[in-house]
Amino acid sequence: YGMVKNFIAGGAAINVFCKQNGLKLLVCDVGVNGTFDENTERFVKYKI
């Protein structure tokens, strides 16, 4: 849960490397034990 929050906030290694090399990052919650209130184009909810 904490790392997904970090992805959404833009602070993880994958955020840094995607930004550097021109890839668009999408983070998808398919089964995290926790809820996310963030509304950003970087985050997609498909929680099963």
All heavy atoms as atom14 arrays in JSON, in Angstrom:
{
  "sequence": "YGMVKNFIAGGAAINVFCKQNGLKLLVCDVGVNGTFDENTERFVKYKI",
  "atom14_mask": [
    [1, 1, 1, 1, 1, 1, 1, 1, 1, 1, 1, 1, 0, 0],
    [1, 1, 1, 1, 0, 0, 0, 0, 0, 0, 0, 0, 0, 0],
    [1, 1, 1, 1, 1, 1, 1, 1, 0, 0, 0, 0, 0, 0],
    [1, 1, 1, 1, 1, 1, 1, 0, 0, 0, 0, 0, 0, 0],
    [1, 1, 1, 1, 1, 1, 1, 1, 1, 0, 0, 0, 0, 0],
    [1, 1, 1, 1, 1, 1, 1, 1, 0, 0, 0, 0, 0, 0],
    [1, 1, 1, 1, 1, 1, 1, 1, 1, 1, 1, 0, 0, 0],
    [1, 1, 1, 1, 1, 1, 1, 1, 0, 0, 0, 0, 0, 0],
    [1, 1, 1, 1, 1, 0, 0, 0, 0, 0, 0, 0, 0, 0],
    [1, 1, 1, 1, 0, 0, 0, 0, 0, 0, 0, 0, 0, 0],
    [1, 1, 1, 1, 0, 0, 0, 0, 0, 0, 0, 0, 0, 0],
    [1, 1, 1, 1, 1, 0, 0, 0, 0, 0, 0, 0, 0, 0],
    [1, 1, 1, 1, 1, 0, 0, 0, 0, 0, 0, 0, 0, 0],
    [1, 1, 1, 1, 1, 1, 1, 1, 0, 0, 0, 0, 0, 0],
    [1, 1, 1, 1, 1, 1, 1, 1, 0, 0, 0, 0, 0, 0],
    [1, 1, 1, 1, 1, 1, 1, 0, 0, 0, 0, 0, 0, 0],
    [1, 1, 1, 1, 1, 1, 1, 1, 1, 1, 1, 0, 0, 0],
    [1, 1, 1, 1, 1, 1, 0, 0, 0, 0, 0, 0, 0, 0],
    [1, 1, 1, 1, 1, 1, 1, 1, 1, 0, 0, 0, 0, 0],
    [1, 1, 1, 1, 1, 1, 1, 1, 1, 0, 0, 0, 0, 0],
    [1, 1, 1, 1, 1, 1, 1, 1, 0, 0, 0, 0, 0, 0],
    [1, 1, 1, 1, 0, 0, 0, 0, 0, 0, 0, 0, 0, 0],
    [1, 1, 1, 1, 1, 1, 1, 1, 0, 0, 0, 0, 0, 0],
    [1, 1, 1, 1, 1, 1, 1, 1, 1, 0, 0, 0, 0, 0],
    [1, 1, 1, 1, 1, 1, 1, 1, 0, 0, 0, 0, 0, 0],
    [1, 1, 1, 1, 1, 1, 1, 1, 0, 0, 0, 0, 0, 0],
    [1, 1, 1, 1, 1, 1, 1, 0, 0, 0, 0, 0, 0, 0],
    [1, 1, 1, 1, 1, 1, 0, 0, 0, 0, 0, 0, 0, 0],
    [1, 1, 1, 1, 1, 1, 1, 1, 0, 0, 0, 0, 0, 0],
    [1, 1, 1, 1, 1, 1, 1, 0, 0, 0, 0, 0, 0, 0],
    [1, 1, 1, 1, 0, 0, 0, 0, 0, 0, 0, 0, 0, 0],
    [1, 1, 1, 1, 1, 1, 1, 0, 0, 0, 0, 0, 0, 0],
    [1, 1, 1, 1, 1, 1, 1, 1, 0, 0, 0, 0, 0, 0],
    [1, 1, 1, 1, 0, 0, 0, 0, 0, 0, 0, 0, 0, 0],
    [1, 1, 1, 1, 1, 1, 1, 0, 0, 0, 0, 0, 0, 0],
    [1, 1, 1, 1, 1, 1, 1, 1, 1, 1, 1, 0, 0, 0],
    [1, 1, 1, 1, 1, 1, 1, 1, 0, 0, 0, 0, 0, 0],
    [1, 1, 1, 1, 1, 1, 1, 1, 1, 0, 0, 0, 0, 0],
    [1, 1, 1, 1, 1, 1, 1, 1, 0, 0, 0, 0, 0, 0],
    [1, 1, 1, 1, 1, 1, 1, 0, 0, 0, 0, 0, 0, 0],
    [1, 1, 1, 1, 1, 1, 1, 1, 1, 0, 0, 0, 0, 0],
    [1, 1, 1, 1, 1, 1, 1, 1, 1, 1, 1, 0, 0, 0],
    [1, 1, 1, 1, 1, 1, 1, 1, 1, 1, 1, 0, 0, 0],
    [1, 1, 1, 1, 1, 1, 1, 0, 0, 0, 0, 0, 0, 0],
    [1, 1, 1, 1, 1, 1, 1, 1, 1, 0, 0, 0, 0, 0],
    [1, 1, 1, 1, 1, 1, 1, 1, 1, 1, 1, 1, 0, 0],
    [1, 1, 1, 1, 1, 1, 1, 1, 1, 0, 0, 0, 0, 0],
    [1, 1, 1, 1, 1, 1, 1, 1, 0, 0, 0, 0, 0, 0]
  ],
  "atom14_positions": [
    [[0.84, -1.2, 0.0], [0.0, 0.0, 0.0], [0.87, 1.26, 0.0], [0.64, 2.19, -0.77], [-0.92, -0.01, 1.21], [-1.81, 1.21, 1.32], [-2.97, 1.31, 0.55], [-1.5, 2.24, 2.2], [-3.79, 2.43, 0.65], [-2.31, 3.35, 2.3], [-3.45, 3.45, 1.53], [-4.25, 4.56, 1.61], [0.0, 0.0, 0.0], [0.0, 0.0, 0.0]],
    [[1.89, 1.28, 0.86], [2.76, 2.44, 0.95], [3.5, 2.71, -0.35], [3.65, 3.88, -0.76], [0.0, 0.0, 0.0], [0.0, 0.0, 0.0], [0.0, 0.0, 0.0], [0.0, 0.0, 0.0], [0.0, 0.0, 0.0], [0.0, 0.0, 0.0], [0.0, 0.0, 0.0], [0.0, 0.0, 0.0], [0.0, 0.0, 0.0], [0.0, 0.0, 0.0]],
    [[3.94, 1.66, -1.02], [4.66, 1.86, -2.28], [3.74, 2.34, -3.4], [4.14, 3.15, -4.23], [5.37, 0.58, -2.7], [6.68, 0.33, -1.96], [7.87, 1.71, -2.14], [8.1, 1.74, -3.91], [0.0, 0.0, 0.0], [0.0, 0.0, 0.0], [0.0, 0.0, 0.0], [0.0, 0.0, 0.0], [0.0, 0.0, 0.0], [0.0, 0.0, 0.0]],
    [[2.5, 1.87, -3.42], [1.57, 2.36, -4.43], [1.31, 3.86, -4.21], [1.26, 4.64, -5.17], [0.26, 1.55, -4.43], [-0.78, 2.19, -5.35], [0.53, 0.11, -4.86], [0.0, 0.0, 0.0], [0.0, 0.0, 0.0], [0.0, 0.0, 0.0], [0.0, 0.0, 0.0], [0.0, 0.0, 0.0], [0.0, 0.0, 0.0], [0.0, 0.0, 0.0]],
    [[1.19, 4.26, -2.94], [1.07, 5.69, -2.65], [2.29, 6.45, -3.19], [2.16, 7.56, -3.72], [0.95, 5.91, -1.13], [-0.28, 5.31, -0.49], [-1.5, 6.19, -0.63], [-1.5, 7.32, 0.36], [-2.79, 8.06, 0.38], [0.0, 0.0, 0.0], [0.0, 0.0, 0.0], [0.0, 0.0, 0.0], [0.0, 0.0, 0.0], [0.0, 0.0, 0.0]],
    [[3.45, 5.86, -3.04], [4.69, 6.46, -3.53], [4.69, 6.57, -5.06], [5.1, 7.59, -5.62], [5.89, 5.64, -3.05], [7.22, 6.34, -3.24], [7.3, 7.56, -3.31], [8.28, 5.55, -3.33], [0.0, 0.0, 0.0], [0.0, 0.0, 0.0], [0.0, 0.0, 0.0], [0.0, 0.0, 0.0], [0.0, 0.0, 0.0], [0.0, 0.0, 0.0]],
    [[4.21, 5.52, -5.73], [4.1, 5.58, -7.2], [3.18, 6.74, -7.62], [3.5, 7.49, -8.54], [3.49, 4.28, -7.76], [4.3, 3.04, -7.56], [3.68, 1.8, -7.44], [5.68, 3.08, -7.5], [4.42, 0.65, -7.28], [6.43, 1.93, -7.33], [5.79, 0.71, -7.21], [0.0, 0.0, 0.0], [0.0, 0.0, 0.0], [0.0, 0.0, 0.0]],
    [[2.04, 6.84, -6.93], [1.07, 7.87, -7.29], [1.65, 9.26, -7.06], [1.44, 10.19, -7.86], [-0.22, 7.68, -6.46], [-0.89, 6.34, -6.84], [-1.18, 8.84, -6.71], [-2.03, 5.95, -5.91], [0.0, 0.0, 0.0], [0.0, 0.0, 0.0], [0.0, 0.0, 0.0], [0.0, 0.0, 0.0], [0.0, 0.0, 0.0], [0.0, 0.0, 0.0]],
    [[2.45, 9.39, -5.98], [3.06, 10.68, -5.65], [4.25, 11.01, -6.55], [4.7, 12.16, -6.58], [3.49, 10.69, -4.19], [0.0, 0.0, 0.0], [0.0, 0.0, 0.0], [0.0, 0.0, 0.0], [0.0, 0.0, 0.0], [0.0, 0.0, 0.0], [0.0, 0.0, 0.0], [0.0, 0.0, 0.0], [0.0, 0.0, 0.0], [0.0, 0.0, 0.0]],
    [[4.78, 10.01, -7.26], [5.89, 10.25, -8.19], [7.27, 10.06, -7.59], [8.26, 10.49, -8.19], [0.0, 0.0, 0.0], [0.0, 0.0, 0.0], [0.0, 0.0, 0.0], [0.0, 0.0, 0.0], [0.0, 0.0, 0.0], [0.0, 0.0, 0.0], [0.0, 0.0, 0.0], [0.0, 0.0, 0.0], [0.0, 0.0, 0.0], [0.0, 0.0, 0.0]],
    [[7.36, 9.38, -6.44], [8.64, 9.31, -5.74], [9.42, 8.02, -5.84], [10.48, 7.9, -5.22], [0.0, 0.0, 0.0], [0.0, 0.0, 0.0], [0.0, 0.0, 0.0], [0.0, 0.0, 0.0], [0.0, 0.0, 0.0], [0.0, 0.0, 0.0], [0.0, 0.0, 0.0], [0.0, 0.0, 0.0], [0.0, 0.0, 0.0], [0.0, 0.0, 0.0]],
    [[8.93, 7.05, -6.61], [9.6, 5.75, -6.68], [10.61, 5.71, -7.82], [10.64, 6.57, -8.7], [8.56, 4.64, -6.87], [0.0, 0.0, 0.0], [0.0, 0.0, 0.0], [0.0, 0.0, 0.0], [0.0, 0.0, 0.0], [0.0, 0.0, 0.0], [0.0, 0.0, 0.0], [0.0, 0.0, 0.0], [0.0, 0.0, 0.0], [0.0, 0.0, 0.0]],
    [[11.45, 4.68, -7.8], [12.46, 4.52, -8.85], [11.81, 4.47, -10.22], [12.31, 5.08, -11.18], [13.27, 3.25, -8.6], [0.0, 0.0, 0.0], [0.0, 0.0, 0.0], [0.0, 0.0, 0.0], [0.0, 0.0, 0.0], [0.0, 0.0, 0.0], [0.0, 0.0, 0.0], [0.0, 0.0, 0.0], [0.0, 0.0, 0.0], [0.0, 0.0, 0.0]],
    [[10.68, 3.77, -10.35], [10.06, 3.65, -11.66], [9.57, 5.01, -12.16], [9.62, 5.31, -13.36], [8.9, 2.61, -11.65], [8.42, 2.32, -13.08], [7.77, 3.04, -10.74], [9.48, 1.81, -14.02], [0.0, 0.0, 0.0], [0.0, 0.0, 0.0], [0.0, 0.0, 0.0], [0.0, 0.0, 0.0], [0.0, 0.0, 0.0], [0.0, 0.0, 0.0]],
    [[9.11, 5.88, -11.25], [8.72, 7.23, -11.65], [9.9, 7.99, -12.23], [9.8, 8.65, -13.28], [8.18, 8.01, -10.44], [6.94, 7.41, -9.84], [7.04, 6.65, -8.89], [5.78, 7.75, -10.36], [0.0, 0.0, 0.0], [0.0, 0.0, 0.0], [0.0, 0.0, 0.0], [0.0, 0.0, 0.0], [0.0, 0.0, 0.0], [0.0, 0.0, 0.0]],
    [[11.04, 7.89, -11.54], [12.24, 8.61, -11.97], [12.7, 8.14, -13.34], [12.98, 8.95, -14.24], [13.36, 8.43, -10.93], [14.67, 9.05, -11.42], [12.96, 9.04, -9.59], [0.0, 0.0, 0.0], [0.0, 0.0, 0.0], [0.0, 0.0, 0.0], [0.0, 0.0, 0.0], [0.0, 0.0, 0.0], [0.0, 0.0, 0.0], [0.0, 0.0, 0.0]],
    [[12.76, 6.83, -13.52], [13.29, 6.28, -14.78], [12.33, 6.49, -15.94], [12.75, 6.74, -17.08], [13.63, 4.8, -14.61], [14.65, 4.51, -13.55], [14.63, 3.3, -12.85], [15.63, 5.44, -13.22], [15.57, 3.03, -11.87], [16.56, 5.18, -12.23], [16.54, 3.97, -11.56], [0.0, 0.0, 0.0], [0.0, 0.0, 0.0], [0.0, 0.0, 0.0]],
    [[11.03, 6.38, -15.69], [10.06, 6.65, -16.76], [10.12, 8.11, -17.2], [10.1, 8.41, -18.39], [8.64, 6.3, -16.3], [8.27, 4.53, -16.3], [0.0, 0.0, 0.0], [0.0, 0.0, 0.0], [0.0, 0.0, 0.0], [0.0, 0.0, 0.0], [0.0, 0.0, 0.0], [0.0, 0.0, 0.0], [0.0, 0.0, 0.0], [0.0, 0.0, 0.0]],
    [[10.21, 9.01, -16.23], [10.3, 10.43, -16.57], [11.57, 10.71, -17.37], [11.54, 11.45, -18.36], [10.29, 11.26, -15.28], [10.34, 12.77, -15.53], [10.3, 13.53, -14.21], [10.36, 15.04, -14.46], [10.33, 15.8, -13.18], [0.0, 0.0, 0.0], [0.0, 0.0, 0.0], [0.0, 0.0, 0.0], [0.0, 0.0, 0.0], [0.0, 0.0, 0.0]],
    [[12.67, 10.12, -16.95], [13.95, 10.34, -17.64], [13.9, 9.87, -19.08], [14.44, 10.52, -19.98], [15.06, 9.61, -16.89], [16.41, 9.61, -17.61], [17.45, 8.79, -16.87], [17.64, 8.97, -15.67], [18.11, 7.89, -17.58], [0.0, 0.0, 0.0], [0.0, 0.0, 0.0], [0.0, 0.0, 0.0], [0.0, 0.0, 0.0], [0.0, 0.0, 0.0]],
    [[13.27, 8.71, -19.32], [13.37, 8.06, -20.63], [12.1, 8.13, -21.46], [11.99, 7.46, -22.49], [13.81, 6.61, -20.45], [15.22, 6.52, -19.91], [16.06, 7.37, -20.2], [15.5, 5.49, -19.11], [0.0, 0.0, 0.0], [0.0, 0.0, 0.0], [0.0, 0.0, 0.0], [0.0, 0.0, 0.0], [0.0, 0.0, 0.0], [0.0, 0.0, 0.0]],
    [[11.14, 8.95, -21.04], [10.0, 9.26, -21.9], [8.92, 8.21, -21.98], [8.22, 8.13, -23.0], [0.0, 0.0, 0.0], [0.0, 0.0, 0.0], [0.0, 0.0, 0.0], [0.0, 0.0, 0.0], [0.0, 0.0, 0.0], [0.0, 0.0, 0.0], [0.0, 0.0, 0.0], [0.0, 0.0, 0.0], [0.0, 0.0, 0.0], [0.0, 0.0, 0.0]],
    [[8.74, 7.41, -20.91], [7.64, 6.46, -20.89], [6.53, 7.01, -20.0], [6.79, 7.56, -18.92], [8.07, 5.1, -20.33], [9.07, 4.3, -21.17], [10.48, 4.54, -20.68], [8.74, 2.8, -21.11], [0.0, 0.0, 0.0], [0.0, 0.0, 0.0], [0.0, 0.0, 0.0], [0.0, 0.0, 0.0], [0.0, 0.0, 0.0], [0.0, 0.0, 0.0]],
    [[5.3, 6.82, -20.42], [4.17, 7.22, -19.59], [3.86, 6.09, -18.62], [3.7, 4.94, -19.01], [2.95, 7.54, -20.44], [1.78, 8.03, -19.6], [0.65, 8.61, -20.45], [-0.45, 9.17, -19.54], [-1.55, 9.77, -20.32], [0.0, 0.0, 0.0], [0.0, 0.0, 0.0], [0.0, 0.0, 0.0], [0.0, 0.0, 0.0], [0.0, 0.0, 0.0]],
    [[3.77, 6.43, -17.33], [3.54, 5.43, -16.29], [2.07, 5.4, -15.89], [1.46, 6.43, -15.62], [4.4, 5.76, -15.06], [4.17, 4.9, -13.82], [4.55, 3.44, -14.09], [4.97, 5.46, -12.63], [0.0, 0.0, 0.0], [0.0, 0.0, 0.0], [0.0, 0.0, 0.0], [0.0, 0.0, 0.0], [0.0, 0.0, 0.0], [0.0, 0.0, 0.0]],
    [[1.51, 4.18, -15.87], [0.19, 3.95, -15.3], [0.31, 2.89, -14.21], [0.85, 1.81, -14.45], [-0.8, 3.47, -16.37], [-1.3, 4.49, -17.4], [-2.26, 3.82, -18.37], [-1.97, 5.67, -16.72], [0.0, 0.0, 0.0], [0.0, 0.0, 0.0], [0.0, 0.0, 0.0], [0.0, 0.0, 0.0], [0.0, 0.0, 0.0], [0.0, 0.0, 0.0]],
    [[-0.19, 3.22, -13.03], [-0.19, 2.3, -11.9], [-1.62, 1.79, -11.72], [-2.56, 2.58, -11.64], [0.29, 3.0, -10.62], [0.29, 2.03, -9.44], [1.67, 3.6, -10.83], [0.0, 0.0, 0.0], [0.0, 0.0, 0.0], [0.0, 0.0, 0.0], [0.0, 0.0, 0.0], [0.0, 0.0, 0.0], [0.0, 0.0, 0.0], [0.0, 0.0, 0.0]],
    [[-1.76, 0.47, -11.67], [-3.09, -0.13, -11.62], [-3.25, -0.97, -10.35], [-2.5, -1.93, -10.14], [-3.33, -0.99, -12.85], [-4.97, -1.75, -12.9], [0.0, 0.0, 0.0], [0.0, 0.0, 0.0], [0.0, 0.0, 0.0], [0.0, 0.0, 0.0], [0.0, 0.0, 0.0], [0.0, 0.0, 0.0], [0.0, 0.0, 0.0], [0.0, 0.0, 0.0]],
    [[-4.22, -0.61, -9.52], [-4.56, -1.38, -8.33], [-5.55, -2.47, -8.73], [-6.72, -2.2, -8.98], [-5.16, -0.46, -7.27], [-5.75, -1.22, -6.08], [-5.44, -2.42, -5.92], [-6.51, -0.6, -5.31], [0.0, 0.0, 0.0], [0.0, 0.0, 0.0], [0.0, 0.0, 0.0], [0.0, 0.0, 0.0], [0.0, 0.0, 0.0], [0.0, 0.0, 0.0]],
    [[-5.04, -3.71, -8.78], [-5.95, -4.83, -9.03], [-6.22, -5.63, -7.76], [-7.09, -6.5, -7.76], [-5.4, -5.8, -10.12], [-5.55, -5.21, -11.5], [-3.97, -6.2, -9.85], [0.0, 0.0, 0.0], [0.0, 0.0, 0.0], [0.0, 0.0, 0.0], [0.0, 0.0, 0.0], [0.0, 0.0, 0.0], [0.0, 0.0, 0.0], [0.0, 0.0, 0.0]],
    [[-5.48, -5.34, -6.67], [-5.7, -6.14, -5.47], [-4.94, -5.68, -4.25], [-4.47, -6.52, -3.46], [0.0, 0.0, 0.0], [0.0, 0.0, 0.0], [0.0, 0.0, 0.0], [0.0, 0.0, 0.0], [0.0, 0.0, 0.0], [0.0, 0.0, 0.0], [0.0, 0.0, 0.0], [0.0, 0.0, 0.0], [0.0, 0.0, 0.0], [0.0, 0.0, 0.0]],
    [[-4.82, -4.38, -4.04], [-4.12, -3.87, -2.87], [-5.08, -3.82, -1.68], [-6.24, -3.42, -1.82], [-3.54, -2.46, -3.14], [-2.82, -1.93, -1.9], [-2.6, -2.51, -4.33], [0.0, 0.0, 0.0], [0.0, 0.0, 0.0], [0.0, 0.0, 0.0], [0.0, 0.0, 0.0], [0.0, 0.0, 0.0], [0.0, 0.0, 0.0], [0.0, 0.0, 0.0]],
    [[-4.57, -4.21, -0.52], [-5.37, -4.2, 0.7], [-5.37, -2.79, 1.28], [-4.63, -2.48, 2.21], [-4.82, -5.2, 1.71], [-5.7, -5.32, 2.95], [-6.85, -4.9, 2.92], [-5.15, -5.86, 4.02], [0.0, 0.0, 0.0], [0.0, 0.0, 0.0], [0.0, 0.0, 0.0], [0.0, 0.0, 0.0], [0.0, 0.0, 0.0], [0.0, 0.0, 0.0]],
    [[-6.21, -1.95, 0.72], [-6.3, -0.56, 1.14], [-7.0, 0.25, 0.07], [-7.1, -0.19, -1.08], [0.0, 0.0, 0.0], [0.0, 0.0, 0.0], [0.0, 0.0, 0.0], [0.0, 0.0, 0.0], [0.0, 0.0, 0.0], [0.0, 0.0, 0.0], [0.0, 0.0, 0.0], [0.0, 0.0, 0.0], [0.0, 0.0, 0.0], [0.0, 0.0, 0.0]],
    [[-7.52, 1.4, 0.44], [-8.22, 2.24, -0.51], [-7.4, 3.48, -0.83], [-6.63, 3.96, 0.0], [-9.59, 2.67, 0.05], [-9.4, 3.36, 1.28], [-10.48, 1.46, 0.28], [0.0, 0.0, 0.0], [0.0, 0.0, 0.0], [0.0, 0.0, 0.0], [0.0, 0.0, 0.0], [0.0, 0.0, 0.0], [0.0, 0.0, 0.0], [0.0, 0.0, 0.0]],
    [[-7.58, 3.98, -2.04], [-6.85, 5.14, -2.5], [-7.84, 6.21, -2.93], [-8.77, 5.94, -3.7], [-5.95, 4.77, -3.69], [-4.93, 3.71, -3.37], [-5.2, 2.37, -3.61], [-3.7, 4.05, -2.83], [-4.26, 1.39, -3.32], [-2.76, 3.09, -2.53], [-3.04, 1.75, -2.77], [0.0, 0.0, 0.0], [0.0, 0.0, 0.0], [0.0, 0.0, 0.0]],
    [[-7.64, 7.41, -2.41], [-8.52, 8.53, -2.75], [-7.96, 9.4, -3.86], [-8.63, 10.31, -4.35], [-8.75, 9.4, -1.5], [-9.43, 8.63, -0.38], [-10.29, 7.78, -0.69], [-9.09, 8.87, 0.79], [0.0, 0.0, 0.0], [0.0, 0.0, 0.0], [0.0, 0.0, 0.0], [0.0, 0.0, 0.0], [0.0, 0.0, 0.0], [0.0, 0.0, 0.0]],
    [[-6.71, 9.13, -4.24], [-6.04, 9.98, -5.22], [-6.76, 9.94, -6.57], [-7.23, 8.89, -7.02], [-4.59, 9.53, -5.41], [-3.68, 9.82, -4.23], [-3.77, 8.78, -3.14], [-4.6, 7.85, -3.25], [-3.01, 8.89, -2.17], [0.0, 0.0, 0.0], [0.0, 0.0, 0.0], [0.0, 0.0, 0.0], [0.0, 0.0, 0.0], [0.0, 0.0, 0.0]],
    [[-6.85, 11.09, -7.18], [-7.46, 11.21, -8.51], [-6.4, 11.8, -9.45], [-6.23, 13.0, -9.53], [-8.69, 12.1, -8.47], [-9.39, 12.19, -9.81], [-9.15, 11.38, -10.71], [-10.25, 13.19, -9.97], [0.0, 0.0, 0.0], [0.0, 0.0, 0.0], [0.0, 0.0, 0.0], [0.0, 0.0, 0.0], [0.0, 0.0, 0.0], [0.0, 0.0, 0.0]],
    [[-5.68, 10.94, -10.13], [-4.62, 11.37, -11.03], [-4.59, 10.47, -12.25], [-4.97, 9.29, -12.17], [-3.25, 11.33, -10.33], [-2.2, 11.53, -11.28], [-3.01, 9.99, -9.65], [0.0, 0.0, 0.0], [0.0, 0.0, 0.0], [0.0, 0.0, 0.0], [0.0, 0.0, 0.0], [0.0, 0.0, 0.0], [0.0, 0.0, 0.0], [0.0, 0.0, 0.0]],
    [[-4.16, 11.01, -13.37], [-4.11, 10.22, -14.6], [-3.08, 9.11, -14.51], [-3.08, 8.2, -15.35], [-3.8, 11.12, -15.79], [-2.45, 11.8, -15.74], [-2.14, 12.62, -16.96], [-3.07, 12.9, -17.76], [-0.96, 12.98, -17.14], [0.0, 0.0, 0.0], [0.0, 0.0, 0.0], [0.0, 0.0, 0.0], [0.0, 0.0, 0.0], [0.0, 0.0, 0.0]],
    [[-2.22, 9.15, -13.5], [-1.19, 8.12, -13.33], [-1.75, 6.86, -12.68], [-1.1, 5.81, -12.7], [-0.06, 8.7, -12.47], [1.16, 7.82, -12.31], [2.17, 8.47, -11.38], [2.73, 9.67, -11.97], [3.08, 10.76, -11.29], [2.88, 10.82, -9.99], [3.61, 11.79, -11.9], [0.0, 0.0, 0.0], [0.0, 0.0, 0.0], [0.0, 0.0, 0.0]],
    [[-2.94, 6.93, -12.11], [-3.47, 5.84, -11.28], [-4.79, 5.33, -11.83], [-5.68, 6.11, -12.17], [-3.65, 6.33, -9.85], [-4.16, 5.28, -8.9], [-3.46, 4.1, -8.7], [-5.35, 5.48, -8.22], [-3.93, 3.13, -7.82], [-5.84, 4.52, -7.34], [-5.12, 3.34, -7.14], [0.0, 0.0, 0.0], [0.0, 0.0, 0.0], [0.0, 0.0, 0.0]],
    [[-4.92, 4.0, -11.92], [-6.12, 3.35, -12.43], [-6.59, 2.31, -11.42], [-5.78, 1.57, -10.85], [-5.84, 2.65, -13.78], [-7.12, 2.05, -14.35], [-5.22, 3.62, -14.77], [0.0, 0.0, 0.0], [0.0, 0.0, 0.0], [0.0, 0.0, 0.0], [0.0, 0.0, 0.0], [0.0, 0.0, 0.0], [0.0, 0.0, 0.0], [0.0, 0.0, 0.0]],
    [[-7.89, 2.25, -11.18], [-8.45, 1.28, -10.24], [-9.19, 0.18, -10.99], [-10.13, 0.44, -11.72], [-9.42, 1.98, -9.28], [-8.79, 3.03, -8.39], [-9.84, 3.67, -7.5], [-9.25, 4.79, -6.65], [-10.28, 5.45, -5.81], [0.0, 0.0, 0.0], [0.0, 0.0, 0.0], [0.0, 0.0, 0.0], [0.0, 0.0, 0.0], [0.0, 0.0, 0.0]],
    [[-8.72, -1.06, -10.78], [-9.44, -2.24, -11.26], [-9.45, -3.28, -10.14], [-9.24, -4.46, -10.39], [-8.75, -2.85, -12.49], [-9.05, -2.16, -13.81], [-8.08, -1.44, -14.47], [-10.31, -2.26, -14.39], [-8.33, -0.82, -15.69], [-10.58, -1.65, -15.61], [-9.59, -0.93, -16.25], [-9.85, -0.32, -17.45], [0.0, 0.0, 0.0], [0.0, 0.0, 0.0]],
    [[-9.66, -2.84, -8.92], [-9.51, -3.76, -7.78], [-10.49, -4.92, -7.87], [-11.71, -4.73, -7.93], [-9.7, -3.0, -6.46], [-9.18, -3.82, -5.26], [-9.59, -3.22, -3.92], [-9.05, -1.83, -3.7], [-7.61, -1.88, -3.37], [0.0, 0.0, 0.0], [0.0, 0.0, 0.0], [0.0, 0.0, 0.0], [0.0, 0.0, 0.0], [0.0, 0.0, 0.0]],
    [[-9.95, -6.13, -7.86], [-10.76, -7.35, -7.89], [-11.17, -7.73, -6.47], [-12.33, -8.05, -6.21], [-9.98, -8.52, -8.54], [-9.33, -8.1, -9.87], [-10.87, -9.74, -8.7], [-10.27, -7.61, -10.91], [0.0, 0.0, 0.0], [0.0, 0.0, 0.0], [0.0, 0.0, 0.0], [0.0, 0.0, 0.0], [0.0, 0.0, 0.0], [0.0, 0.0, 0.0]]
  ]
}
